[in-house]
Amino acid sequence: MLAGCGGSSKTPAQRIADCLNAKSFLVEAADGRVDGTSPDGVAFTVAVASGRIDDHGNPGGRRLSPGERRSIQGCLH
């Protein structure tokens, strides 16, 4: 979507992805969710409708840090 061209507004998932990318996460919006990795390389998915954060399945059982979870929560609100 080109900015300033009268296109449709962004979806909630796109707004959350933009917020997280501005905080050095590497994510993209897709079908009501946000998928990507934290600045420390932990993969996760956020279900936008419920706000559920899923960071299971990372090698070595790595999980999002409390600070990363706070950043995600901040972008959800």
C-alpha atoms as a PDB file:
ATOM      1  CA  MET A   1       0.000   0.000   0.000  1.00  0.00           C
ATOM      2  CA  LEU A   2       1.348   3.397  -0.916  1.00  0.00           C
ATOM      3  CA  ALA A   3       1.178   6.069   1.753  1.00  0.00           C
ATOM      4  CA  GLY A   4      -0.867   9.126   0.882  1.00  0.00           C
ATOM      5  CA  CYS A   5      -2.639   7.527  -2.073  1.00  0.00           C
ATOM      6  CA  GLY A   6      -6.056   7.176  -0.492  1.00  0.00           C
ATOM      7  CA  GLY A   7      -5.681   3.437   0.091  1.00  0.00           C
ATOM      8  CA  SER A   8      -7.548   1.573   2.776  1.00  0.00           C
ATOM      9  CA  SER A   9      -6.472   1.940   6.384  1.00  0.00           C
ATOM     10  CA  LYS A  10      -4.172  -0.597   7.970  1.00  0.00           C
ATOM     11  CA  THR A  11      -5.518  -3.661   9.713  1.00  0.00           C
ATOM     12  CA  PRO A  12      -4.916  -4.136  13.448  1.00  0.00           C
ATOM     13  CA  ALA A  13      -2.297  -6.798  12.605  1.00  0.00           C
ATOM     14  CA  GLN A  14      -0.480  -4.373  10.300  1.00  0.00           C
ATOM     15  CA  ARG A  15      -0.464  -1.655  12.972  1.00  0.00           C
ATOM     16  CA  ILE A  16       0.941  -4.101  15.562  1.00  0.00           C
ATOM     17  CA  ALA A  17       3.594  -5.300  13.095  1.00  0.00           C
ATOM     18  CA  ASP A  18       4.621  -1.697  12.382  1.00  0.00           C
ATOM     19  CA  CYS A  19       4.890  -0.990  16.121  1.00  0.00           C
ATOM     20  CA  LEU A  20       7.023  -4.092  16.746  1.00  0.00           C
ATOM     21  CA  ASN A  21       9.263  -3.502  13.730  1.00  0.00           C
ATOM     22  CA  ALA A  22       9.923   0.001  15.091  1.00  0.00           C
ATOM     23  CA  LYS A  23      11.144  -1.707  18.306  1.00  0.00           C
ATOM     24  CA  SER A  24      13.695  -3.868  16.401  1.00  0.00           C
ATOM     25  CA  PHE A  25      11.487  -6.962  16.129  1.00  0.00           C
ATOM     26  CA  LEU A  26      11.355  -8.567  12.668  1.00  0.00           C
ATOM     27  CA  VAL A  27       7.693  -9.370  12.025  1.00  0.00           C
ATOM     28  CA  GLU A  28       4.949  -9.288   9.420  1.00  0.00           C
ATOM     29  CA  ALA A  29       1.158  -9.293   9.563  1.00  0.00           C
ATOM     30  CA  ALA A  30      -0.774 -12.221   8.076  1.00  0.00           C
ATOM     31  CA  ASP A  31      -4.430 -13.272   8.418  1.00  0.00           C
ATOM     32  CA  GLY A  32      -5.209 -11.683  11.790  1.00  0.00           C
ATOM     33  CA  ARG A  33      -1.885 -12.551  13.340  1.00  0.00           C
ATOM     34  CA  VAL A  34       1.657 -11.256  13.553  1.00  0.00           C
ATOM     35  CA  ASP A  35       4.536 -13.690  12.937  1.00  0.00           C
ATOM     36  CA  GLY A  36       8.246 -13.114  13.361  1.00  0.00           C
ATOM     37  CA  THR A  37      11.186 -12.947  15.730  1.00  0.00           C
ATOM     38  CA  SER A  38      12.211 -10.863  18.698  1.00  0.00           C
ATOM     39  CA  PRO A  39      15.410  -8.794  18.708  1.00  0.00           C
ATOM     40  CA  ASP A  40      17.070 -11.806  20.430  1.00  0.00           C
ATOM     41  CA  GLY A  41      15.920 -14.182  17.654  1.00  0.00           C
ATOM     42  CA  VAL A  42      13.046 -15.926  19.462  1.00  0.00           C
ATOM     43  CA  ALA A  43      10.268 -16.871  17.031  1.00  0.00           C
ATOM     44  CA  PHE A  44       6.685 -16.092  18.032  1.00  0.00           C
ATOM     45  CA  THR A  45       3.149 -15.535  16.775  1.00  0.00           C
ATOM     46  CA  VAL A  46       0.560 -13.121  18.143  1.00  0.00           C
ATOM     47  CA  ALA A  47      -3.132 -13.830  17.576  1.00  0.00           C
ATOM     48  CA  VAL A  48      -4.443 -10.280  17.222  1.00  0.00           C
ATOM     49  CA  ALA A  49      -8.067 -10.990  18.222  1.00  0.00           C
ATOM     50  CA  SER A  50      -7.147 -12.631  21.527  1.00  0.00           C
ATOM     51  CA  GLY A  51      -3.749 -11.051  22.166  1.00  0.00           C
ATOM     52  CA  ARG A  52      -2.342 -14.553  22.718  1.00  0.00           C
ATOM     53  CA  ILE A  53       1.450 -14.755  22.328  1.00  0.00           C
ATOM     54  CA  ASP A  54       2.830 -18.152  21.294  1.00  0.00           C
ATOM     55  CA  ASP A  55       6.593 -18.585  21.596  1.00  0.00           C
ATOM     56  CA  HIS A  56       6.676 -22.388  21.944  1.00  0.00           C
ATOM     57  CA  GLY A  57       8.754 -24.593  19.665  1.00  0.00           C
ATOM     58  CA  ASN A  58      11.994 -22.618  19.660  1.00  0.00           C
ATOM     59  CA  PRO A  59      15.271 -24.595  19.683  1.00  0.00           C
ATOM     60  CA  GLY A  60      16.552 -25.233  23.172  1.00  0.00           C
ATOM     61  CA  GLY A  61      13.228 -24.171  24.660  1.00  0.00           C
ATOM     62  CA  ARG A  62      14.076 -20.465  24.211  1.00  0.00           C
ATOM     63  CA  ARG A  63      11.233 -18.131  25.181  1.00  0.00           C
ATOM     64  CA  LEU A  64      10.556 -14.421  24.940  1.00  0.00           C
ATOM     65  CA  SER A  65      12.066 -12.376  27.764  1.00  0.00           C
ATOM     66  CA  PRO A  66       9.750 -10.443  30.107  1.00  0.00           C
ATOM     67  CA  GLY A  67      10.855  -7.208  28.413  1.00  0.00           C
ATOM     68  CA  GLU A  68      10.047  -8.566  24.959  1.00  0.00           C
ATOM     69  CA  ARG A  69       6.612  -9.668  26.190  1.00  0.00           C
ATOM     70  CA  ARG A  70       6.020  -6.162  27.596  1.00  0.00           C
ATOM     71  CA  SER A  71       6.964  -4.644  24.228  1.00  0.00           C
ATOM     72  CA  ILE A  72       4.505  -6.921  22.436  1.00  0.00           C
ATOM     73  CA  GLN A  73       1.763  -6.158  24.975  1.00  0.00           C
ATOM     74  CA  GLY A  74       2.433  -2.440  24.537  1.00  0.00           C
ATOM     75  CA  CYS A  75       1.923  -2.717  20.795  1.00  0.00           C
ATOM     76  CA  LEU A  76      -1.346  -4.611  21.312  1.00  0.00           C
ATOM     77  CA  HIS A  77      -2.902  -1.672  23.187  1.00  0.00           C
END
